[in-house]
N, C-alpha and C. Protein backbone atom coordinates (compact mmCIF):
# COMPACT_ATOMS: atom_id res chain seq x y z
N UNK A 1 -70.07 161.13 8.38
CA UNK A 1 -71.31 160.69 7.76
C UNK A 1 -72.42 161.68 8.10
N UNK A 2 -73.19 162.00 7.09
CA UNK A 2 -74.30 162.93 7.27
C UNK A 2 -75.61 162.15 7.32
N UNK A 3 -76.49 162.55 8.24
CA UNK A 3 -77.78 161.88 8.37
C UNK A 3 -78.86 162.79 7.81
N UNK A 4 -79.71 162.24 6.95
CA UNK A 4 -80.77 163.01 6.29
C UNK A 4 -82.11 162.33 6.51
N UNK A 5 -83.18 163.12 6.51
CA UNK A 5 -84.53 162.58 6.61
C UNK A 5 -85.37 163.04 5.43
N UNK A 6 -86.17 162.14 4.89
CA UNK A 6 -87.05 162.47 3.78
C UNK A 6 -88.46 162.04 4.16
N UNK A 7 -89.43 162.92 3.93
CA UNK A 7 -90.82 162.63 4.26
C UNK A 7 -91.60 162.41 2.97
N UNK A 8 -92.32 161.30 2.92
CA UNK A 8 -93.16 160.97 1.77
C UNK A 8 -94.61 160.94 2.22
N UNK A 9 -95.52 161.38 1.35
CA UNK A 9 -96.96 161.27 1.56
C UNK A 9 -97.45 160.25 0.55
N UNK A 10 -98.12 159.19 1.04
CA UNK A 10 -98.51 158.06 0.19
C UNK A 10 -99.99 157.77 0.37
N UNK A 11 -100.68 157.50 -0.73
CA UNK A 11 -102.07 157.05 -0.66
C UNK A 11 -102.09 155.55 -0.93
N UNK A 12 -102.74 154.79 -0.04
CA UNK A 12 -102.83 153.35 -0.22
C UNK A 12 -103.94 153.01 -1.20
N UNK A 13 -103.99 151.75 -1.62
CA UNK A 13 -105.04 151.32 -2.54
C UNK A 13 -106.42 151.41 -1.89
N UNK A 14 -106.48 151.38 -0.55
CA UNK A 14 -107.75 151.51 0.16
C UNK A 14 -108.16 152.96 0.35
N UNK A 15 -107.28 153.91 -0.02
CA UNK A 15 -107.60 155.32 0.08
C UNK A 15 -107.05 156.00 1.33
N UNK A 16 -106.38 155.25 2.21
CA UNK A 16 -105.78 155.84 3.40
C UNK A 16 -104.55 156.67 3.01
N UNK A 17 -104.22 157.64 3.85
CA UNK A 17 -103.04 158.47 3.63
C UNK A 17 -102.00 158.10 4.69
N UNK A 18 -100.76 157.86 4.23
CA UNK A 18 -99.66 157.53 5.13
C UNK A 18 -98.56 158.57 5.00
N UNK A 19 -97.93 158.89 6.13
CA UNK A 19 -96.69 159.67 6.13
C UNK A 19 -95.57 158.66 6.36
N UNK A 20 -94.59 158.65 5.47
CA UNK A 20 -93.47 157.73 5.59
C UNK A 20 -92.20 158.56 5.75
N UNK A 21 -91.51 158.37 6.87
CA UNK A 21 -90.26 159.07 7.13
C UNK A 21 -89.11 158.09 6.92
N UNK A 22 -88.21 158.44 6.02
CA UNK A 22 -87.03 157.60 5.73
C UNK A 22 -85.79 158.35 6.19
N UNK A 23 -85.04 157.74 7.09
CA UNK A 23 -83.80 158.32 7.58
C UNK A 23 -82.65 157.61 6.89
N UNK A 24 -81.77 158.39 6.27
CA UNK A 24 -80.63 157.82 5.54
C UNK A 24 -79.33 158.39 6.08
N UNK A 25 -78.28 157.64 5.83
CA UNK A 25 -76.94 158.05 6.22
C UNK A 25 -76.07 158.03 4.97
N UNK A 26 -75.37 159.12 4.72
CA UNK A 26 -74.54 159.24 3.53
C UNK A 26 -73.07 159.15 3.93
N UNK A 27 -72.34 158.23 3.29
CA UNK A 27 -70.92 158.06 3.56
C UNK A 27 -70.14 159.02 2.68
N UNK A 28 -69.65 160.10 3.26
CA UNK A 28 -68.94 161.13 2.50
C UNK A 28 -67.49 160.76 2.24
N UNK A 29 -66.95 159.81 2.99
CA UNK A 29 -65.55 159.42 2.85
C UNK A 29 -65.33 158.43 1.72
N UNK A 30 -66.39 157.80 1.25
CA UNK A 30 -66.27 156.77 0.22
C UNK A 30 -65.98 157.40 -1.14
N UNK A 31 -65.26 156.65 -1.97
CA UNK A 31 -64.97 157.11 -3.34
C UNK A 31 -66.27 157.22 -4.14
N UNK A 32 -67.18 156.28 -3.92
CA UNK A 32 -68.49 156.29 -4.56
C UNK A 32 -69.52 156.70 -3.52
N UNK A 33 -70.49 157.49 -3.95
CA UNK A 33 -71.52 157.94 -3.03
C UNK A 33 -72.36 156.76 -2.56
N UNK A 34 -72.37 156.53 -1.24
CA UNK A 34 -73.16 155.45 -0.66
C UNK A 34 -74.22 156.05 0.26
N UNK A 35 -75.46 155.63 0.07
CA UNK A 35 -76.55 156.07 0.93
C UNK A 35 -77.20 154.82 1.50
N UNK A 36 -77.32 154.78 2.82
CA UNK A 36 -77.94 153.64 3.49
C UNK A 36 -79.16 154.11 4.27
N UNK A 37 -80.24 153.34 4.19
CA UNK A 37 -81.42 153.62 4.99
C UNK A 37 -81.18 153.09 6.39
N UNK A 38 -81.27 153.97 7.39
CA UNK A 38 -81.02 153.58 8.78
C UNK A 38 -82.29 153.52 9.61
N UNK A 39 -83.40 154.03 9.08
CA UNK A 39 -84.65 153.98 9.82
C UNK A 39 -85.83 154.35 8.94
N UNK A 40 -86.98 153.77 9.28
CA UNK A 40 -88.22 154.08 8.57
C UNK A 40 -89.34 154.19 9.61
N UNK A 41 -90.14 155.24 9.48
CA UNK A 41 -91.32 155.40 10.32
C UNK A 41 -92.53 155.56 9.42
N UNK A 42 -93.61 154.85 9.74
CA UNK A 42 -94.84 154.92 8.95
C UNK A 42 -95.97 155.33 9.88
N UNK A 43 -96.68 156.40 9.51
CA UNK A 43 -97.75 156.94 10.33
C UNK A 43 -99.00 157.09 9.47
N UNK A 44 -100.13 156.60 9.97
CA UNK A 44 -101.40 156.74 9.26
C UNK A 44 -102.02 158.08 9.64
N UNK A 45 -102.43 158.85 8.65
CA UNK A 45 -103.04 160.16 8.87
C UNK A 45 -104.53 159.95 9.09
N UNK A 46 -105.05 160.54 10.18
CA UNK A 46 -106.48 160.44 10.48
C UNK A 46 -107.06 161.85 10.48
N UNK A 47 -107.65 162.24 9.35
CA UNK A 47 -108.19 163.59 9.20
C UNK A 47 -109.40 163.82 10.10
N UNK A 48 -110.14 162.79 10.43
CA UNK A 48 -111.34 162.94 11.25
C UNK A 48 -111.02 163.36 12.68
N UNK A 49 -109.85 162.98 13.20
CA UNK A 49 -109.49 163.30 14.58
C UNK A 49 -108.73 164.61 14.71
N UNK A 50 -108.43 165.28 13.59
CA UNK A 50 -107.71 166.54 13.65
C UNK A 50 -108.65 167.67 14.05
N UNK A 51 -108.10 168.64 14.78
CA UNK A 51 -108.88 169.82 15.15
C UNK A 51 -109.04 170.72 13.93
N UNK A 52 -110.21 171.37 13.78
CA UNK A 52 -110.41 172.27 12.63
C UNK A 52 -109.56 173.51 12.71
């Protein structure tokens, strides 16, 4: 099984920016391609606290 990570950048309806990390596992032995989400991380981006 191969583990993959995908990063999404999302804007909420309130205007906040979120980074969403989705970790998936792909079953390569299966006759049909199966992908399962094994983890999700959500982080709020705070531009005001970042160093210039």
